[in-house]
């Protein structure tokens, strides 16, 4: 009987639930997301949510990890592929711009949103944010080293400085997109990307 009840309670796809929770956190932020929002978004009861995730903070942590797996990981894989270093960085920037242009809700980056809202307030979330940015920074730094060694990229700036500059540029594009009008968004974001690429 106990085994049957356990299986019945767990009859849901944990990844789908986490993705649904990620979507609502992404749209509304941590503080503005209620347990009722999560119940409606995931389709789970309150008891199932609490028995699986314990509290909203733990579910938010899992949502950030899921975002890292599906978004940041894809960017890292792009930067780790073969080809022109400048072209790969350009692809990354313009893919991010495209993501912003097609996102009618202007959600930005969930990790950046978490950094603005919660970094310094929650140690676990702060560590997740740092881990995300560090992985992106290291992927950029490794790529830039390759570009400098091949002569494709100037050695005027260190790989670390350039990597940090592009991490900052990526987050800046996300934030700027939220503050642009529909008429100016593409022009403004494209100008930022072009100027950033001219530093290479």
C-alpha atoms as a PDB file:
ATOM      1  CA  UNK A   1       0.000   0.000   0.000  1.00  0.00           C
ATOM      2  CA  UNK A   2       2.820   2.411   0.921  1.00  0.00           C
ATOM      3  CA  UNK A   3       4.658   1.643  -2.313  1.00  0.00           C
ATOM      4  CA  UNK A   4       1.477   2.273  -4.336  1.00  0.00           C
ATOM      5  CA  UNK A   5       0.899   5.615  -2.610  1.00  0.00           C
ATOM      6  CA  UNK A   6       4.524   6.647  -3.175  1.00  0.00           C
ATOM      7  CA  UNK A   7       4.301   5.874  -6.867  1.00  0.00           C
ATOM      8  CA  UNK A   8       0.981   7.685  -7.181  1.00  0.00           C
ATOM      9  CA  UNK A   9       2.329  10.863  -5.608  1.00  0.00           C
ATOM     10  CA  UNK A  10       5.405  10.815  -7.805  1.00  0.00           C
ATOM     11  CA  UNK A  11       3.474  10.390 -11.078  1.00  0.00           C
ATOM     12  CA  UNK A  12       4.877  13.496 -12.744  1.00  0.00           C
ATOM     13  CA  UNK A  13       7.924  14.420 -14.793  1.00  0.00           C
ATOM     14  CA  UNK A  14      10.321  16.264 -12.485  1.00  0.00           C
ATOM     15  CA  UNK A  15      12.047  18.005 -15.406  1.00  0.00           C
ATOM     16  CA  UNK A  16       8.733  19.267 -16.801  1.00  0.00           C
ATOM     17  CA  UNK A  17       7.715  20.548 -13.367  1.00  0.00           C
ATOM     18  CA  UNK A  18      11.060  22.306 -12.944  1.00  0.00           C
ATOM     19  CA  UNK A  19      10.781  23.884 -16.393  1.00  0.00           C
ATOM     20  CA  UNK A  20       7.269  25.123 -15.664  1.00  0.00           C
ATOM     21  CA  UNK A  21       8.464  26.613 -12.388  1.00  0.00           C
ATOM     22  CA  UNK A  22      11.430  28.161 -14.187  1.00  0.00           C
ATOM     23  CA  UNK A  23       9.072  29.869 -16.629  1.00  0.00           C
ATOM     24  CA  UNK A  24       7.002  31.526 -13.930  1.00  0.00           C
ATOM     25  CA  UNK A  25      10.068  32.598 -11.908  1.00  0.00           C
ATOM     26  CA  UNK A  26      11.570  33.956 -15.134  1.00  0.00           C
ATOM     27  CA  UNK A  27       8.477  36.029 -15.884  1.00  0.00           C
ATOM     28  CA  UNK A  28       7.698  37.284 -12.391  1.00  0.00           C
ATOM     29  CA  UNK A  29      10.885  37.043 -10.343  1.00  0.00           C
ATOM     30  CA  UNK A  30      11.335  35.199  -7.080  1.00  0.00           C
ATOM     31  CA  UNK A  31       9.556  37.550  -4.685  1.00  0.00           C
ATOM     32  CA  UNK A  32       6.507  38.125  -6.902  1.00  0.00           C
ATOM     33  CA  UNK A  33       5.966  34.404  -7.534  1.00  0.00           C
ATOM     34  CA  UNK A  34       3.515  32.892  -5.071  1.00  0.00           C
ATOM     35  CA  UNK A  35       3.041  29.249  -4.193  1.00  0.00           C
ATOM     36  CA  UNK A  36      -0.344  29.502  -5.915  1.00  0.00           C
ATOM     37  CA  UNK A  37       1.413  30.673  -9.098  1.00  0.00           C
ATOM     38  CA  UNK A  38       3.615  27.586  -8.910  1.00  0.00           C
ATOM     39  CA  UNK A  39       0.647  25.298  -8.267  1.00  0.00           C
ATOM     40  CA  UNK A  40      -1.158  26.687 -11.318  1.00  0.00           C
ATOM     41  CA  UNK A  41       1.928  26.654 -13.524  1.00  0.00           C
ATOM     42  CA  UNK A  42       3.161  23.156 -12.657  1.00  0.00           C
ATOM     43  CA  UNK A  43      -0.222  21.480 -12.205  1.00  0.00           C
ATOM     44  CA  UNK A  44       0.904  20.006  -8.880  1.00  0.00           C
ATOM     45  CA  UNK A  45      -0.901  20.366  -5.592  1.00  0.00           C
ATOM     46  CA  UNK A  46       0.650  22.344  -2.756  1.00  0.00           C
ATOM     47  CA  UNK A  47       1.334  19.130  -0.853  1.00  0.00           C
ATOM     48  CA  UNK A  48       3.141  17.602  -3.847  1.00  0.00           C
ATOM     49  CA  UNK A  49       5.235  20.733  -4.315  1.00  0.00           C
ATOM     50  CA  UNK A  50       6.251  20.821  -0.659  1.00  0.00           C
ATOM     51  CA  UNK A  51       6.915  17.086  -0.462  1.00  0.00           C
ATOM     52  CA  UNK A  52       9.143  17.245  -3.552  1.00  0.00           C
ATOM     53  CA  UNK A  53      10.919  20.603  -3.124  1.00  0.00           C
ATOM     54  CA  UNK A  54      10.377  21.481   0.578  1.00  0.00           C
ATOM     55  CA  UNK A  55       9.975  25.222  -0.106  1.00  0.00           C
ATOM     56  CA  UNK A  56       9.927  27.925  -2.780  1.00  0.00           C
ATOM     57  CA  UNK A  57      13.630  28.632  -2.343  1.00  0.00           C
ATOM     58  CA  UNK A  58      14.616  25.058  -3.193  1.00  0.00           C
ATOM     59  CA  UNK A  59      12.395  25.042  -6.269  1.00  0.00           C
ATOM     60  CA  UNK A  60      13.923  28.358  -7.363  1.00  0.00           C
ATOM     61  CA  UNK A  61      17.389  26.873  -6.933  1.00  0.00           C
ATOM     62  CA  UNK A  62      16.411  23.946  -9.158  1.00  0.00           C
ATOM     63  CA  UNK A  63      14.921  26.344 -11.713  1.00  0.00           C
ATOM     64  CA  UNK A  64      18.224  28.253 -11.868  1.00  0.00           C
ATOM     65  CA  UNK A  65      20.123  24.997 -12.333  1.00  0.00           C
ATOM     66  CA  UNK A  66      17.723  23.971 -15.110  1.00  0.00           C
ATOM     67  CA  UNK A  67      18.215  27.340 -16.829  1.00  0.00           C
ATOM     68  CA  UNK A  68      21.956  26.825 -16.648  1.00  0.00           C
ATOM     69  CA  UNK A  69      21.624  23.401 -18.290  1.00  0.00           C
ATOM     70  CA  UNK A  70      19.462  24.534 -21.188  1.00  0.00           C
ATOM     71  CA  UNK A  71      20.672  28.098 -21.800  1.00  0.00           C
ATOM     72  CA  UNK A  72      24.178  28.678 -20.458  1.00  0.00           C
ATOM     73  CA  UNK A  73      25.345  25.209 -21.460  1.00  0.00           C
ATOM     74  CA  UNK A  74      24.246  25.833 -25.065  1.00  0.00           C
ATOM     75  CA  UNK A  75      26.278  29.053 -25.110  1.00  0.00           C
ATOM     76  CA  UNK A  76      29.322  27.275 -23.709  1.00  0.00           C
ATOM     77  CA  UNK A  77      29.031  24.545 -26.333  1.00  0.00           C
ATOM     78  CA  UNK A  78      28.909  27.194 -29.067  1.00  0.00           C
ATOM     79  CA  UNK A  79      32.048  28.866 -27.713  1.00  0.00           C
ATOM     80  CA  UNK A  80      33.786  25.474 -27.499  1.00  0.00           C
ATOM     81  CA  UNK A  81      33.181  24.595 -31.148  1.00  0.00           C
ATOM     82  CA  UNK A  82      35.684  24.947 -33.997  1.00  0.00           C
ATOM     83  CA  UNK A  83      35.818  27.899 -36.337  1.00  0.00           C
ATOM     84  CA  UNK A  84      36.791  31.549 -36.323  1.00  0.00           C
ATOM     85  CA  UNK A  85      37.010  32.937 -32.795  1.00  0.00           C
ATOM     86  CA  UNK A  86      35.499  36.264 -33.828  1.00  0.00           C
ATOM     87  CA  UNK A  87      32.695  34.498 -35.675  1.00  0.00           C
ATOM     88  CA  UNK A  88      31.841  32.351 -32.653  1.00  0.00           C
ATOM     89  CA  UNK A  89      31.655  35.342 -30.315  1.00  0.00           C
ATOM     90  CA  UNK A  90      29.615  37.212 -32.924  1.00  0.00           C
ATOM     91  CA  UNK A  91      27.234  34.257 -33.222  1.00  0.00           C
ATOM     92  CA  UNK A  92      26.786  34.232 -29.473  1.00  0.00           C
ATOM     93  CA  UNK A  93      26.007  37.947 -29.222  1.00  0.00           C
ATOM     94  CA  UNK A  94      23.590  37.974 -32.129  1.00  0.00           C
ATOM     95  CA  UNK A  95      21.875  34.805 -30.932  1.00  0.00           C
ATOM     96  CA  UNK A  96      21.276  36.526 -27.605  1.00  0.00           C
ATOM     97  CA  UNK A  97      19.934  39.574 -29.433  1.00  0.00           C
ATOM     98  CA  UNK A  98      17.625  37.346 -31.471  1.00  0.00           C
ATOM     99  CA  UNK A  99      16.386  35.714 -28.270  1.00  0.00           C
ATOM    100  CA  UNK A 100      15.596  39.163 -26.878  1.00  0.00           C
ATOM    101  CA  UNK A 101      13.807  40.306 -30.026  1.00  0.00           C
ATOM    102  CA  UNK A 102      11.491  37.299 -30.177  1.00  0.00           C
ATOM    103  CA  UNK A 103      10.728  37.302 -26.431  1.00  0.00           C
ATOM    104  CA  UNK A 104       7.548  39.383 -26.184  1.00  0.00           C
ATOM    105  CA  UNK A 105       7.677  39.180 -22.373  1.00  0.00           C
ATOM    106  CA  UNK A 106      11.197  40.667 -22.191  1.00  0.00           C
ATOM    107  CA  UNK A 107      12.285  38.256 -19.492  1.00  0.00           C
ATOM    108  CA  UNK A 108      16.002  38.825 -19.989  1.00  0.00           C
ATOM    109  CA  UNK A 109      18.395  36.330 -18.423  1.00  0.00           C
ATOM    110  CA  UNK A 110      17.091  34.367 -15.432  1.00  0.00           C
ATOM    111  CA  UNK A 111      20.570  34.233 -13.877  1.00  0.00           C
ATOM    112  CA  UNK A 112      21.047  37.995 -14.287  1.00  0.00           C
ATOM    113  CA  UNK A 113      17.577  38.584 -12.869  1.00  0.00           C
ATOM    114  CA  UNK A 114      18.466  36.405  -9.888  1.00  0.00           C
ATOM    115  CA  UNK A 115      21.700  38.334  -9.426  1.00  0.00           C
ATOM    116  CA  UNK A 116      19.865  41.662  -9.336  1.00  0.00           C
ATOM    117  CA  UNK A 117      17.122  40.389  -7.047  1.00  0.00           C
ATOM    118  CA  UNK A 118      18.793  37.976  -4.647  1.00  0.00           C
ATOM    119  CA  UNK A 119      22.591  37.942  -4.859  1.00  0.00           C
ATOM    120  CA  UNK A 120      23.983  38.690  -1.407  1.00  0.00           C
ATOM    121  CA  UNK A 121      20.730  37.662   0.270  1.00  0.00           C
ATOM    122  CA  UNK A 122      20.866  33.899  -0.260  1.00  0.00           C
ATOM    123  CA  UNK A 123      24.182  32.032  -0.136  1.00  0.00           C
ATOM    124  CA  UNK A 124      23.082  29.053  -2.242  1.00  0.00           C
ATOM    125  CA  UNK A 125      21.605  31.235  -4.947  1.00  0.00           C
ATOM    126  CA  UNK A 126      24.696  33.459  -4.922  1.00  0.00           C
ATOM    127  CA  UNK A 127      26.880  30.384  -5.476  1.00  0.00           C
ATOM    128  CA  UNK A 128      24.699  29.276  -8.390  1.00  0.00           C
ATOM    129  CA  UNK A 129      24.961  32.726  -9.972  1.00  0.00           C
ATOM    130  CA  UNK A 130      28.737  32.780  -9.544  1.00  0.00           C
ATOM    131  CA  UNK A 131      29.065  29.265 -10.973  1.00  0.00           C
ATOM    132  CA  UNK A 132      27.026  30.251 -14.032  1.00  0.00           C
ATOM    133  CA  UNK A 133      29.023  33.406 -14.749  1.00  0.00           C
ATOM    134  CA  UNK A 134      32.344  31.660 -14.074  1.00  0.00           C
ATOM    135  CA  UNK A 135      31.613  28.887 -16.571  1.00  0.00           C
ATOM    136  CA  UNK A 136      30.698  31.412 -19.261  1.00  0.00           C
ATOM    137  CA  UNK A 137      33.755  33.512 -18.444  1.00  0.00           C
ATOM    138  CA  UNK A 138      36.080  30.493 -18.622  1.00  0.00           C
ATOM    139  CA  UNK A 139      34.632  29.392 -21.977  1.00  0.00           C
ATOM    140  CA  UNK A 140      35.159  32.878 -23.392  1.00  0.00           C
ATOM    141  CA  UNK A 141      38.647  33.126 -21.920  1.00  0.00           C
ATOM    142  CA  UNK A 142      39.697  29.784 -23.407  1.00  0.00           C
ATOM    143  CA  UNK A 143      38.356  30.806 -26.815  1.00  0.00           C
ATOM    144  CA  UNK A 144      40.108  34.186 -26.669  1.00  0.00           C
ATOM    145  CA  UNK A 145      43.411  32.527 -25.764  1.00  0.00           C
ATOM    146  CA  UNK A 146      43.040  30.421 -28.922  1.00  0.00           C
ATOM    147  CA  UNK A 147      42.329  33.535 -30.951  1.00  0.00           C
ATOM    148  CA  UNK A 148      45.334  35.376 -29.593  1.00  0.00           C
ATOM    149  CA  UNK A 149      47.643  32.419 -30.127  1.00  0.00           C
ATOM    150  CA  UNK A 150      46.532  32.147 -33.759  1.00  0.00           C
ATOM    151  CA  UNK A 151      46.886  35.897 -34.316  1.00  0.00           C
ATOM    152  CA  UNK A 152      43.171  36.358 -35.009  1.00  0.00           C
ATOM    153  CA  UNK A 153      42.678  38.530 -31.931  1.00  0.00           C
ATOM    154  CA  UNK A 154      44.841  41.375 -30.680  1.00  0.00           C
ATOM    155  CA  UNK A 155      46.877  40.796 -27.519  1.00  0.00           C
ATOM    156  CA  UNK A 156      46.316  44.391 -26.410  1.00  0.00           C
ATOM    157  CA  UNK A 157      43.992  43.114 -23.651  1.00  0.00           C
ATOM    158  CA  UNK A 158      44.407  39.990 -21.555  1.00  0.00           C
ATOM    159  CA  UNK A 159      42.115  37.020 -22.236  1.00  0.00           C
ATOM    160  CA  UNK A 160      40.630  37.434 -18.760  1.00  0.00           C
ATOM    161  CA  UNK A 161      39.841  41.122 -19.291  1.00  0.00           C
ATOM    162  CA  UNK A 162      38.202  40.415 -22.655  1.00  0.00           C
ATOM    163  CA  UNK A 163      36.241  37.476 -21.277  1.00  0.00           C
ATOM    164  CA  UNK A 164      34.890  39.587 -18.418  1.00  0.00           C
ATOM    165  CA  UNK A 165      34.101  42.383 -20.854  1.00  0.00           C
ATOM    166  CA  UNK A 166      31.980  40.043 -22.975  1.00  0.00           C
ATOM    167  CA  UNK A 167      30.213  38.525 -19.962  1.00  0.00           C
ATOM    168  CA  UNK A 168      29.369  42.098 -18.963  1.00  0.00           C
ATOM    169  CA  UNK A 169      28.290  42.933 -22.527  1.00  0.00           C
ATOM    170  CA  UNK A 170      25.983  39.915 -22.672  1.00  0.00           C
ATOM    171  CA  UNK A 171      24.303  40.873 -19.407  1.00  0.00           C
ATOM    172  CA  UNK A 172      24.165  44.499 -20.511  1.00  0.00           C
ATOM    173  CA  UNK A 173      22.351  43.494 -23.698  1.00  0.00           C
ATOM    174  CA  UNK A 174      19.811  41.579 -21.608  1.00  0.00           C
ATOM    175  CA  UNK A 175      19.199  44.542 -19.295  1.00  0.00           C
ATOM    176  CA  UNK A 176      19.165  47.154 -22.065  1.00  0.00           C
ATOM    177  CA  UNK A 177      16.603  45.098 -23.973  1.00  0.00           C
ATOM    178  CA  UNK A 178      14.170  45.474 -21.075  1.00  0.00           C
ATOM    179  CA  UNK A 179      14.475  49.256 -21.198  1.00  0.00           C
ATOM    180  CA  UNK A 180      14.158  49.733 -24.954  1.00  0.00           C
ATOM    181  CA  UNK A 181      11.059  50.517 -26.951  1.00  0.00           C
ATOM    182  CA  UNK A 182       9.958  48.062 -29.623  1.00  0.00           C
ATOM    183  CA  UNK A 183      11.048  50.584 -32.264  1.00  0.00           C
ATOM    184  CA  UNK A 184      14.612  50.987 -30.963  1.00  0.00           C
ATOM    185  CA  UNK A 185      15.398  47.572 -29.447  1.00  0.00           C
ATOM    186  CA  UNK A 186      17.021  45.937 -32.475  1.00  0.00           C
ATOM    187  CA  UNK A 187      19.032  49.037 -33.397  1.00  0.00           C
ATOM    188  CA  UNK A 188      20.332  49.601 -29.871  1.00  0.00           C
ATOM    189  CA  UNK A 189      21.259  45.984 -29.176  1.00  0.00           C
ATOM    190  CA  UNK A 190      22.927  45.575 -32.567  1.00  0.00           C
ATOM    191  CA  UNK A 191      25.015  48.710 -31.992  1.00  0.00           C
ATOM    192  CA  UNK A 192      26.207  47.372 -28.637  1.00  0.00           C
ATOM    193  CA  UNK A 193      27.231  44.045 -30.187  1.00  0.00           C
ATOM    194  CA  UNK A 194      29.079  45.698 -33.083  1.00  0.00           C
ATOM    195  CA  UNK A 195      31.079  47.997 -30.802  1.00  0.00           C
ATOM    196  CA  UNK A 196      31.941  45.088 -28.497  1.00  0.00           C
ATOM    197  CA  UNK A 197      33.159  42.968 -31.404  1.00  0.00           C
ATOM    198  CA  UNK A 198      35.402  45.815 -32.553  1.00  0.00           C
ATOM    199  CA  UNK A 199      37.448  45.356 -29.366  1.00  0.00           C
ATOM    200  CA  UNK A 200      38.738  41.990 -30.629  1.00  0.00           C
END
